[in-house]
């Protein structure tokens, strides 16, 4: 016992001063935290500045929009929101957008999760080569395939309908297939083996085991798909020629200088504020699953 004590004393000689507490904040640590919060605060202000400008402009009168220096806080003019909703058939555009976005989200979730399950679990000749080919299409710019797809949809008679915007989503999106495949690879195979012993087939395993366990990854795909389809301006602008079939993203352009309304920046910001509410609500509702899905299927792989 005494020899052990002597060895310990020799290895860690006492200096006579009291040891420092590991959890006690030092001056250097406090300065580092203050600088970190200061930099993060500046970044947050820079990111939120366009949103504040949009909200401030939405509450201004038309003659106050281009004042210099700009007035960030003036008497609010809430009538801009009602005027923006009445100048255009906003509710019709919102219904069109809800139809397109809901079907695109449904098609993307079903097709991508099913394809990802096949690439992650099923064995077939050339499976990995086909998966690499699917992943390689991520590098293909959308503008490259724009003309061929437009000619194909025109040949099918789908122009001026929602079909070109909805039906491609039911054939999968390469990035989301990759995302879900990485998540499925983390699920233990013992669950599938137990289900097979009970007589479950591939479709039942995918429906009753894979989908319930992959809620965080599915929530991530849902949020990404919702935001992409909701904010899509290029697709509806090309394929929808009838104004009654426009989505909100295209309808907002009427406030930038259309012959009927003219340039109305304060009304454009009011309509944009209303249009931003669904995206914010979806993110807040799915935030817990969204962040968890990003961590499980993205950063750890």
C-alpha atoms as a PDB file:
ATOM      1  CA  UNK A   1       0.000   0.000   0.000  1.00  0.00           C
ATOM      2  CA  UNK A   2       2.793   2.395   0.985  1.00  0.00           C
ATOM      3  CA  UNK A   3       4.813   1.595  -2.172  1.00  0.00           C
ATOM      4  CA  UNK A   4       1.761   2.406  -4.345  1.00  0.00           C
ATOM      5  CA  UNK A   5       1.324   5.683  -2.545  1.00  0.00           C
ATOM      6  CA  UNK A   6       4.974   6.573  -3.110  1.00  0.00           C
ATOM      7  CA  UNK A   7       4.727   5.797  -6.854  1.00  0.00           C
ATOM      8  CA  UNK A   8       1.615   7.918  -7.167  1.00  0.00           C
ATOM      9  CA  UNK A   9       3.280  10.769  -5.319  1.00  0.00           C
ATOM     10  CA  UNK A  10       6.321  10.580  -7.588  1.00  0.00           C
ATOM     11  CA  UNK A  11       4.188  10.565 -10.722  1.00  0.00           C
ATOM     12  CA  UNK A  12       2.062  13.526  -9.588  1.00  0.00           C
ATOM     13  CA  UNK A  13       4.088  15.639  -7.182  1.00  0.00           C
ATOM     14  CA  UNK A  14       2.146  18.193  -5.166  1.00  0.00           C
ATOM     15  CA  UNK A  15       3.101  21.842  -5.608  1.00  0.00           C
ATOM     16  CA  UNK A  16       1.375  23.172  -2.543  1.00  0.00           C
ATOM     17  CA  UNK A  17      -1.291  25.052  -4.533  1.00  0.00           C
ATOM     18  CA  UNK A  18      -4.905  23.909  -4.662  1.00  0.00           C
ATOM     19  CA  UNK A  19      -5.913  22.154  -7.902  1.00  0.00           C
ATOM     20  CA  UNK A  20      -8.078  24.167 -10.327  1.00  0.00           C
ATOM     21  CA  UNK A  21     -11.666  23.054 -10.783  1.00  0.00           C
ATOM     22  CA  UNK A  22     -12.251  21.633 -14.275  1.00  0.00           C
ATOM     23  CA  UNK A  23     -15.724  23.185 -14.636  1.00  0.00           C
ATOM     24  CA  UNK A  24     -14.763  26.654 -13.440  1.00  0.00           C
ATOM     25  CA  UNK A  25     -14.910  29.199 -16.294  1.00  0.00           C
ATOM     26  CA  UNK A  26     -11.640  30.968 -16.941  1.00  0.00           C
ATOM     27  CA  UNK A  27     -11.195  34.449 -18.377  1.00  0.00           C
ATOM     28  CA  UNK A  28      -9.997  33.002 -21.684  1.00  0.00           C
ATOM     29  CA  UNK A  29     -13.058  30.771 -21.909  1.00  0.00           C
ATOM     30  CA  UNK A  30     -15.406  33.663 -21.138  1.00  0.00           C
ATOM     31  CA  UNK A  31     -13.798  35.818 -23.847  1.00  0.00           C
ATOM     32  CA  UNK A  32     -14.110  32.946 -26.323  1.00  0.00           C
ATOM     33  CA  UNK A  33     -17.813  32.495 -25.498  1.00  0.00           C
ATOM     34  CA  UNK A  34     -18.501  36.235 -25.824  1.00  0.00           C
ATOM     35  CA  UNK A  35     -16.766  36.362 -29.213  1.00  0.00           C
ATOM     36  CA  UNK A  36     -18.638  33.260 -30.366  1.00  0.00           C
ATOM     37  CA  UNK A  37     -22.009  34.698 -29.395  1.00  0.00           C
ATOM     38  CA  UNK A  38     -21.089  38.026 -31.004  1.00  0.00           C
ATOM     39  CA  UNK A  39     -20.179  36.389 -34.326  1.00  0.00           C
ATOM     40  CA  UNK A  40     -23.274  34.169 -34.217  1.00  0.00           C
ATOM     41  CA  UNK A  41     -25.415  37.222 -33.436  1.00  0.00           C
ATOM     42  CA  UNK A  42     -23.984  39.115 -36.410  1.00  0.00           C
ATOM     43  CA  UNK A  43     -24.645  36.115 -38.649  1.00  0.00           C
ATOM     44  CA  UNK A  44     -28.198  35.824 -37.362  1.00  0.00           C
ATOM     45  CA  UNK A  45     -28.874  39.514 -37.990  1.00  0.00           C
ATOM     46  CA  UNK A  46     -27.422  39.258 -41.507  1.00  0.00           C
ATOM     47  CA  UNK A  47     -29.618  36.241 -42.278  1.00  0.00           C
ATOM     48  CA  UNK A  48     -32.788  37.779 -40.832  1.00  0.00           C
ATOM     49  CA  UNK A  49     -32.228  41.239 -42.336  1.00  0.00           C
ATOM     50  CA  UNK A  50     -34.046  40.450 -45.652  1.00  0.00           C
ATOM     51  CA  UNK A  51     -36.992  39.042 -43.679  1.00  0.00           C
ATOM     52  CA  UNK A  52     -37.211  42.186 -41.533  1.00  0.00           C
ATOM     53  CA  UNK A  53     -37.004  44.358 -44.659  1.00  0.00           C
ATOM     54  CA  UNK A  54     -39.802  42.331 -46.286  1.00  0.00           C
ATOM     55  CA  UNK A  55     -42.023  42.671 -43.216  1.00  0.00           C
ATOM     56  CA  UNK A  56     -41.238  46.377 -42.820  1.00  0.00           C
ATOM     57  CA  UNK A  57     -41.991  47.114 -46.481  1.00  0.00           C
ATOM     58  CA  UNK A  58     -45.232  45.116 -46.301  1.00  0.00           C
ATOM     59  CA  UNK A  59     -46.490  47.499 -43.589  1.00  0.00           C
ATOM     60  CA  UNK A  60     -45.543  50.747 -45.402  1.00  0.00           C
ATOM     61  CA  UNK A  61     -47.510  53.016 -47.685  1.00  0.00           C
ATOM     62  CA  UNK A  62     -46.423  53.115 -51.318  1.00  0.00           C
ATOM     63  CA  UNK A  63     -44.890  56.597 -51.030  1.00  0.00           C
ATOM     64  CA  UNK A  64     -42.737  55.478 -48.041  1.00  0.00           C
ATOM     65  CA  UNK A  65     -41.155  52.445 -49.703  1.00  0.00           C
ATOM     66  CA  UNK A  66     -38.297  54.198 -51.531  1.00  0.00           C
ATOM     67  CA  UNK A  67     -37.484  56.836 -48.915  1.00  0.00           C
ATOM     68  CA  UNK A  68     -33.800  57.387 -48.174  1.00  0.00           C
ATOM     69  CA  UNK A  69     -32.617  56.788 -45.564  1.00  0.00           C
ATOM     70  CA  UNK A  70     -35.128  53.945 -45.216  1.00  0.00           C
ATOM     71  CA  UNK A  71     -37.549  53.910 -42.300  1.00  0.00           C
ATOM     72  CA  UNK A  72     -37.556  50.489 -40.655  1.00  0.00           C
ATOM     73  CA  UNK A  73     -40.319  51.292 -38.184  1.00  0.00           C
ATOM     74  CA  UNK A  74     -43.202  53.478 -39.317  1.00  0.00           C
ATOM     75  CA  UNK A  75     -46.933  53.503 -38.689  1.00  0.00           C
ATOM     76  CA  UNK A  76     -48.150  50.054 -39.840  1.00  0.00           C
ATOM     77  CA  UNK A  77     -50.524  49.954 -42.791  1.00  0.00           C
ATOM     78  CA  UNK A  78     -52.219  46.549 -42.463  1.00  0.00           C
ATOM     79  CA  UNK A  79     -54.570  47.266 -45.378  1.00  0.00           C
ATOM     80  CA  UNK A  80     -51.759  46.212 -47.725  1.00  0.00           C
ATOM     81  CA  UNK A  81     -52.432  42.553 -46.919  1.00  0.00           C
ATOM     82  CA  UNK A  82     -56.146  42.810 -47.730  1.00  0.00           C
ATOM     83  CA  UNK A  83     -55.418  44.737 -50.944  1.00  0.00           C
ATOM     84  CA  UNK A  84     -52.844  42.153 -52.061  1.00  0.00           C
ATOM     85  CA  UNK A  85     -55.360  39.353 -51.542  1.00  0.00           C
ATOM     86  CA  UNK A  86     -58.092  41.128 -53.536  1.00  0.00           C
ATOM     87  CA  UNK A  87     -56.067  42.386 -56.515  1.00  0.00           C
ATOM     88  CA  UNK A  88     -55.347  38.808 -57.647  1.00  0.00           C
ATOM     89  CA  UNK A  89     -57.322  35.575 -57.058  1.00  0.00           C
ATOM     90  CA  UNK A  90     -54.933  34.599 -54.300  1.00  0.00           C
ATOM     91  CA  UNK A  91     -57.160  31.838 -52.912  1.00  0.00           C
ATOM     92  CA  UNK A  92     -57.324  30.186 -56.359  1.00  0.00           C
ATOM     93  CA  UNK A  93     -53.539  30.289 -56.615  1.00  0.00           C
ATOM     94  CA  UNK A  94     -53.233  28.897 -53.080  1.00  0.00           C
ATOM     95  CA  UNK A  95     -55.534  25.989 -53.994  1.00  0.00           C
ATOM     96  CA  UNK A  96     -53.465  25.256 -57.118  1.00  0.00           C
ATOM     97  CA  UNK A  97     -50.280  25.357 -55.058  1.00  0.00           C
ATOM     98  CA  UNK A  98     -51.735  23.058 -52.386  1.00  0.00           C
ATOM     99  CA  UNK A  99     -52.765  20.537 -55.042  1.00  0.00           C
ATOM    100  CA  UNK A 100     -49.367  20.479 -56.720  1.00  0.00           C
ATOM    101  CA  UNK A 101     -47.294  20.499 -53.513  1.00  0.00           C
ATOM    102  CA  UNK A 102     -49.306  17.812 -51.692  1.00  0.00           C
ATOM    103  CA  UNK A 103     -49.154  15.388 -54.642  1.00  0.00           C
ATOM    104  CA  UNK A 104     -45.456  16.084 -55.243  1.00  0.00           C
ATOM    105  CA  UNK A 105     -44.654  15.418 -51.575  1.00  0.00           C
ATOM    106  CA  UNK A 106     -46.736  12.210 -51.623  1.00  0.00           C
ATOM    107  CA  UNK A 107     -45.127  10.932 -54.829  1.00  0.00           C
ATOM    108  CA  UNK A 108     -41.607  11.774 -53.663  1.00  0.00           C
ATOM    109  CA  UNK A 109     -42.002  10.063 -50.283  1.00  0.00           C
ATOM    110  CA  UNK A 110     -43.499   6.872 -51.739  1.00  0.00           C
ATOM    111  CA  UNK A 111     -41.181   6.482 -54.728  1.00  0.00           C
ATOM    112  CA  UNK A 112     -37.937   7.507 -52.996  1.00  0.00           C
ATOM    113  CA  UNK A 113     -38.505   5.387 -49.883  1.00  0.00           C
ATOM    114  CA  UNK A 114     -39.416   2.345 -51.998  1.00  0.00           C
ATOM    115  CA  UNK A 115     -36.406   2.733 -54.303  1.00  0.00           C
ATOM    116  CA  UNK A 116     -34.077   3.398 -51.365  1.00  0.00           C
ATOM    117  CA  UNK A 117     -35.267   0.235 -49.629  1.00  0.00           C
ATOM    118  CA  UNK A 118     -34.458  -1.786 -52.738  1.00  0.00           C
ATOM    119  CA  UNK A 119     -30.966  -0.293 -53.063  1.00  0.00           C
ATOM    120  CA  UNK A 120     -30.249  -0.781 -49.354  1.00  0.00           C
ATOM    121  CA  UNK A 121     -31.664  -4.253 -48.685  1.00  0.00           C
ATOM    122  CA  UNK A 122     -32.493  -6.254 -51.793  1.00  0.00           C
ATOM    123  CA  UNK A 123     -29.889  -8.253 -53.708  1.00  0.00           C
ATOM    124  CA  UNK A 124     -29.931  -8.160 -57.498  1.00  0.00           C
ATOM    125  CA  UNK A 125     -27.331  -8.330 -60.281  1.00  0.00           C
ATOM    126  CA  UNK A 126     -25.978  -4.864 -61.076  1.00  0.00           C
ATOM    127  CA  UNK A 127     -27.681  -3.221 -58.101  1.00  0.00           C
ATOM    128  CA  UNK A 128     -24.674  -1.115 -57.116  1.00  0.00           C
ATOM    129  CA  UNK A 129     -24.008  -0.084 -60.736  1.00  0.00           C
ATOM    130  CA  UNK A 130     -27.607   1.057 -61.151  1.00  0.00           C
ATOM    131  CA  UNK A 131     -27.389   2.966 -57.869  1.00  0.00           C
ATOM    132  CA  UNK A 132     -24.221   4.755 -59.013  1.00  0.00           C
ATOM    133  CA  UNK A 133     -25.956   5.635 -62.273  1.00  0.00           C
ATOM    134  CA  UNK A 134     -28.911   7.085 -60.354  1.00  0.00           C
ATOM    135  CA  UNK A 135     -26.597   9.077 -58.086  1.00  0.00           C
ATOM    136  CA  UNK A 136     -24.651  10.368 -61.099  1.00  0.00           C
ATOM    137  CA  UNK A 137     -27.787  12.077 -62.400  1.00  0.00           C
ATOM    138  CA  UNK A 138     -27.549  14.494 -59.443  1.00  0.00           C
ATOM    139  CA  UNK A 139     -24.677  16.191 -61.275  1.00  0.00           C
ATOM    140  CA  UNK A 140     -26.854  16.776 -64.361  1.00  0.00           C
ATOM    141  CA  UNK A 141     -28.119  20.396 -64.484  1.00  0.00           C
ATOM    142  CA  UNK A 142     -31.867  20.842 -64.844  1.00  0.00           C
ATOM    143  CA  UNK A 143     -31.401  23.224 -67.766  1.00  0.00           C
ATOM    144  CA  UNK A 144     -29.746  20.452 -69.801  1.00  0.00           C
ATOM    145  CA  UNK A 145     -32.906  18.330 -69.761  1.00  0.00           C
ATOM    146  CA  UNK A 146     -35.330  21.231 -70.013  1.00  0.00           C
ATOM    147  CA  UNK A 147     -35.872  21.212 -73.772  1.00  0.00           C
ATOM    148  CA  UNK A 148     -36.158  17.395 -74.178  1.00  0.00           C
ATOM    149  CA  UNK A 149     -38.615  17.109 -71.286  1.00  0.00           C
ATOM    150  CA  UNK A 150     -40.694  20.007 -72.599  1.00  0.00           C
ATOM    151  CA  UNK A 151     -40.894  18.355 -76.048  1.00  0.00           C
ATOM    152  CA  UNK A 152     -41.869  15.052 -74.437  1.00  0.00           C
ATOM    153  CA  UNK A 153     -44.597  16.636 -72.260  1.00  0.00           C
ATOM    154  CA  UNK A 154     -45.875  18.599 -75.251  1.00  0.00           C
ATOM    155  CA  UNK A 155     -46.051  15.366 -77.290  1.00  0.00           C
ATOM    156  CA  UNK A 156     -48.043  13.761 -74.457  1.00  0.00           C
ATOM    157  CA  UNK A 157     -50.434  16.735 -74.345  1.00  0.00           C
ATOM    158  CA  UNK A 158     -49.555  17.634 -70.758  1.00  0.00           C
ATOM    159  CA  UNK A 159     -48.743  21.335 -71.363  1.00  0.00           C
ATOM    160  CA  UNK A 160     -51.012  23.738 -69.454  1.00  0.00           C
ATOM    161  CA  UNK A 161     -51.812  21.071 -66.868  1.00  0.00           C
ATOM    162  CA  UNK A 162     -50.391  20.023 -63.502  1.00  0.00           C
ATOM    163  CA  UNK A 163     -49.118  16.690 -64.855  1.00  0.00           C
ATOM    164  CA  UNK A 164     -45.553  17.858 -65.770  1.00  0.00           C
ATOM    165  CA  UNK A 165     -45.187  19.207 -62.242  1.00  0.00           C
ATOM    166  CA  UNK A 166     -46.641  16.215 -60.355  1.00  0.00           C
ATOM    167  CA  UNK A 167     -46.066  12.947 -62.228  1.00  0.00           C
ATOM    168  CA  UNK A 168     -42.194  13.100 -62.365  1.00  0.00           C
ATOM    169  CA  UNK A 169     -42.198  13.096 -58.558  1.00  0.00           C
ATOM    170  CA  UNK A 170     -43.633   9.549 -58.585  1.00  0.00           C
ATOM    171  CA  UNK A 171     -40.462   8.298 -60.334  1.00  0.00           C
ATOM    172  CA  UNK A 172     -38.082   9.264 -57.545  1.00  0.00           C
ATOM    173  CA  UNK A 173     -35.520  11.973 -56.869  1.00  0.00           C
ATOM    174  CA  UNK A 174     -31.859  10.773 -56.820  1.00  0.00           C
ATOM    175  CA  UNK A 175     -30.732  12.878 -53.857  1.00  0.00           C
ATOM    176  CA  UNK A 176     -33.624  11.738 -51.647  1.00  0.00           C
ATOM    177  CA  UNK A 177     -33.083   8.102 -52.697  1.00  0.00           C
ATOM    178  CA  UNK A 178     -29.473   8.423 -51.576  1.00  0.00           C
ATOM    179  CA  UNK A 179     -30.536  10.086 -48.305  1.00  0.00           C
ATOM    180  CA  UNK A 180     -33.058   7.369 -47.416  1.00  0.00           C
ATOM    181  CA  UNK A 181     -30.748   4.537 -48.500  1.00  0.00           C
ATOM    182  CA  UNK A 182     -28.092   5.747 -46.081  1.00  0.00           C
ATOM    183  CA  UNK A 183     -30.694   5.714 -43.307  1.00  0.00           C
ATOM    184  CA  UNK A 184     -31.988   2.242 -44.160  1.00  0.00           C
ATOM    185  CA  UNK A 185     -28.442   0.856 -43.957  1.00  0.00           C
ATOM    186  CA  UNK A 186     -28.361   1.775 -40.256  1.00  0.00           C
ATOM    187  CA  UNK A 187     -31.440  -0.352 -39.400  1.00  0.00           C
ATOM    188  CA  UNK A 188     -30.448  -3.804 -38.010  1.00  0.00           C
ATOM    189  CA  UNK A 189     -31.029  -6.719 -40.365  1.00  0.00           C
ATOM    190  CA  UNK A 190     -32.255  -8.817 -37.443  1.00  0.00           C
ATOM    191  CA  UNK A 191     -35.596  -6.992 -37.653  1.00  0.00           C
ATOM    192  CA  UNK A 192     -36.046  -8.144 -41.257  1.00  0.00           C
ATOM    193  CA  UNK A 193     -34.974 -11.683 -40.411  1.00  0.00           C
ATOM    194  CA  UNK A 194     -37.543 -11.849 -37.605  1.00  0.00           C
ATOM    195  CA  UNK A 195     -40.236 -10.527 -39.948  1.00  0.00           C
ATOM    196  CA  UNK A 196     -39.350 -13.121 -42.617  1.00  0.00           C
ATOM    197  CA  UNK A 197     -39.617 -15.895 -40.035  1.00  0.00           C
ATOM    198  CA  UNK A 198     -43.141 -14.628 -39.332  1.00  0.00           C
ATOM    199  CA  UNK A 199     -43.930 -14.864 -43.052  1.00  0.00           C
ATOM    200  CA  UNK A 200     -43.638 -11.188 -44.065  1.00  0.00           C
ATOM    201  CA  UNK A 201     -42.680 -10.344 -47.635  1.00  0.00           C
ATOM    202  CA  UNK A 202     -40.587  -7.482 -48.949  1.00  0.00           C
ATOM    203  CA  UNK A 203     -43.507  -5.101 -49.340  1.00  0.00           C
ATOM    204  CA  UNK A 204     -44.829  -5.791 -45.827  1.00  0.00           C
ATOM    205  CA  UNK A 205     -41.336  -5.352 -44.328  1.00  0.00           C
ATOM    206  CA  UNK A 206     -41.011  -2.008 -46.101  1.00  0.00           C
ATOM    207  CA  UNK A 207     -44.463  -0.843 -45.008  1.00  0.00           C
ATOM    208  CA  UNK A 208     -44.579  -2.112 -41.412  1.00  0.00           C
ATOM    209  CA  UNK A 209     -40.899  -1.913 -40.374  1.00  0.00           C
ATOM    210  CA  UNK A 210     -38.892   0.416 -42.586  1.00  0.00           C
ATOM    211  CA  UNK A 211     -41.340   3.295 -42.912  1.00  0.00           C
ATOM    212  CA  UNK A 212     -42.199   3.605 -39.166  1.00  0.00           C
ATOM    213  CA  UNK A 213     -38.503   3.477 -38.223  1.00  0.00           C
ATOM    214  CA  UNK A 214     -37.510   6.077 -40.814  1.00  0.00           C
ATOM    215  CA  UNK A 215     -39.774   8.926 -39.688  1.00  0.00           C
ATOM    216  CA  UNK A 216     -36.858  11.368 -39.102  1.00  0.00           C
ATOM    217  CA  UNK A 217     -35.451  10.764 -42.593  1.00  0.00           C
ATOM    218  CA  UNK A 218     -38.920  10.943 -44.160  1.00  0.00           C
ATOM    219  CA  UNK A 219     -39.577  14.221 -42.342  1.00  0.00           C
ATOM    220  CA  UNK A 220     -36.340  15.607 -43.774  1.00  0.00           C
ATOM    221  CA  UNK A 221     -37.328  14.586 -47.293  1.00  0.00           C
ATOM    222  CA  UNK A 222     -40.826  15.995 -46.776  1.00  0.00           C
ATOM    223  CA  UNK A 223     -39.539  19.416 -45.674  1.00  0.00           C
ATOM    224  CA  UNK A 224     -37.024  19.629 -48.527  1.00  0.00           C
ATOM    225  CA  UNK A 225     -39.633  18.540 -51.083  1.00  0.00           C
ATOM    226  CA  UNK A 226     -42.280  20.902 -49.734  1.00  0.00           C
ATOM    227  CA  UNK A 227     -39.988  23.916 -49.855  1.00  0.00           C
ATOM    228  CA  UNK A 228     -38.688  23.038 -53.338  1.00  0.00           C
ATOM    229  CA  UNK A 229     -42.178  22.458 -54.798  1.00  0.00           C
ATOM    230  CA  UNK A 230     -43.730  25.438 -53.001  1.00  0.00           C
ATOM    231  CA  UNK A 231     -41.040  27.861 -54.149  1.00  0.00           C
ATOM    232  CA  UNK A 232     -40.733  26.429 -57.663  1.00  0.00           C
ATOM    233  CA  UNK A 233     -41.094  29.301 -60.111  1.00  0.00           C
ATOM    234  CA  UNK A 234     -39.485  27.938 -63.264  1.00  0.00           C
ATOM    235  CA  UNK A 235     -41.633  24.815 -63.759  1.00  0.00           C
ATOM    236  CA  UNK A 236     -45.084  26.427 -63.384  1.00  0.00           C
ATOM    237  CA  UNK A 237     -43.954  29.403 -65.489  1.00  0.00           C
ATOM    238  CA  UNK A 238     -43.036  27.124 -68.407  1.00  0.00           C
ATOM    239  CA  UNK A 239     -45.763  24.495 -68.289  1.00  0.00           C
ATOM    240  CA  UNK A 240     -48.793  26.554 -67.096  1.00  0.00           C
ATOM    241  CA  UNK A 241     -49.943  29.033 -69.706  1.00  0.00           C
ATOM    242  CA  UNK A 242     -53.431  29.682 -68.307  1.00  0.00           C
ATOM    243  CA  UNK A 243     -53.433  32.253 -65.485  1.00  0.00           C
ATOM    244  CA  UNK A 244     -56.168  30.391 -63.599  1.00  0.00           C
ATOM    245  CA  UNK A 245     -53.713  27.484 -63.110  1.00  0.00           C
ATOM    246  CA  UNK A 246     -50.812  29.526 -61.753  1.00  0.00           C
ATOM    247  CA  UNK A 247     -49.223  28.741 -58.428  1.00  0.00           C
ATOM    248  CA  UNK A 248     -48.390  31.334 -55.773  1.00  0.00           C
ATOM    249  CA  UNK A 249     -44.738  31.553 -56.847  1.00  0.00           C
ATOM    250  CA  UNK A 250     -45.768  32.648 -60.348  1.00  0.00           C
ATOM    251  CA  UNK A 251     -48.644  34.823 -59.144  1.00  0.00           C
ATOM    252  CA  UNK A 252     -46.279  36.943 -57.044  1.00  0.00           C
ATOM    253  CA  UNK A 253     -44.616  38.139 -60.244  1.00  0.00           C
ATOM    254  CA  UNK A 254     -47.780  40.058 -61.163  1.00  0.00           C
ATOM    255  CA  UNK A 255     -46.909  42.639 -58.475  1.00  0.00           C
ATOM    256  CA  UNK A 256     -43.510  43.384 -60.060  1.00  0.00           C
ATOM    257  CA  UNK A 257     -44.836  45.224 -63.082  1.00  0.00           C
ATOM    258  CA  UNK A 258     -47.661  43.423 -64.834  1.00  0.00           C
ATOM    259  CA  UNK A 259     -49.916  45.514 -67.149  1.00  0.00           C
ATOM    260  CA  UNK A 260     -52.913  44.976 -64.831  1.00  0.00           C
ATOM    261  CA  UNK A 261     -51.357  45.893 -61.470  1.00  0.00           C
ATOM    262  CA  UNK A 262     -48.048  47.600 -62.220  1.00  0.00           C
ATOM    263  CA  UNK A 263     -45.017  47.707 -59.908  1.00  0.00           C
ATOM    264  CA  UNK A 264     -46.333  47.627 -56.330  1.00  0.00           C
ATOM    265  CA  UNK A 265     -43.412  46.847 -54.027  1.00  0.00           C
ATOM    266  CA  UNK A 266     -45.390  47.204 -50.784  1.00  0.00           C
ATOM    267  CA  UNK A 267     -48.121  44.848 -52.078  1.00  0.00           C
ATOM    268  CA  UNK A 268     -45.498  42.424 -53.370  1.00  0.00           C
ATOM    269  CA  UNK A 269     -43.917  42.260 -49.909  1.00  0.00           C
ATOM    270  CA  UNK A 270     -47.351  41.854 -48.287  1.00  0.00           C
ATOM    271  CA  UNK A 271     -48.210  38.946 -50.603  1.00  0.00           C
ATOM    272  CA  UNK A 272     -44.746  37.448 -50.088  1.00  0.00           C
ATOM    273  CA  UNK A 273     -45.192  37.612 -46.312  1.00  0.00           C
ATOM    274  CA  UNK A 274     -48.474  35.719 -46.585  1.00  0.00           C
ATOM    275  CA  UNK A 275     -46.897  33.209 -48.958  1.00  0.00           C
ATOM    276  CA  UNK A 276     -44.015  32.555 -46.556  1.00  0.00           C
ATOM    277  CA  UNK A 277     -46.314  31.448 -43.710  1.00  0.00           C
ATOM    278  CA  UNK A 278     -46.857  27.805 -44.894  1.00  0.00           C
ATOM    279  CA  UNK A 279     -43.117  27.154 -45.273  1.00  0.00           C
ATOM    280  CA  UNK A 280     -42.413  28.535 -41.802  1.00  0.00           C
ATOM    281  CA  UNK A 281     -45.221  26.461 -40.251  1.00  0.00           C
ATOM    282  CA  UNK A 282     -44.051  23.248 -41.955  1.00  0.00           C
ATOM    283  CA  UNK A 283     -40.496  23.780 -40.749  1.00  0.00           C
ATOM    284  CA  UNK A 284     -41.590  24.534 -37.174  1.00  0.00           C
ATOM    285  CA  UNK A 285     -43.917  21.521 -37.013  1.00  0.00           C
ATOM    286  CA  UNK A 286     -41.324  19.118 -38.459  1.00  0.00           C
ATOM    287  CA  UNK A 287     -38.280  20.748 -36.878  1.00  0.00           C
ATOM    288  CA  UNK A 288     -37.619  17.982 -34.326  1.00  0.00           C
ATOM    289  CA  UNK A 289     -37.746  15.175 -36.888  1.00  0.00           C
ATOM    290  CA  UNK A 290     -36.019  17.340 -39.509  1.00  0.00           C
ATOM    291  CA  UNK A 291     -32.906  18.004 -37.401  1.00  0.00           C
ATOM    292  CA  UNK A 292     -32.764  14.387 -36.234  1.00  0.00           C
ATOM    293  CA  UNK A 293     -33.040  13.152 -39.809  1.00  0.00           C
ATOM    294  CA  UNK A 294     -30.226  15.416 -40.967  1.00  0.00           C
ATOM    295  CA  UNK A 295     -27.977  14.092 -38.188  1.00  0.00           C
ATOM    296  CA  UNK A 296     -28.792  10.406 -38.711  1.00  0.00           C
ATOM    297  CA  UNK A 297     -28.735  10.243 -42.497  1.00  0.00           C
ATOM    298  CA  UNK A 298     -26.356  13.007 -43.446  1.00  0.00           C
ATOM    299  CA  UNK A 299     -23.628  13.949 -41.040  1.00  0.00           C
ATOM    300  CA  UNK A 300     -22.902  10.484 -39.612  1.00  0.00           C
ATOM    301  CA  UNK A 301     -22.539   8.845 -42.990  1.00  0.00           C
END
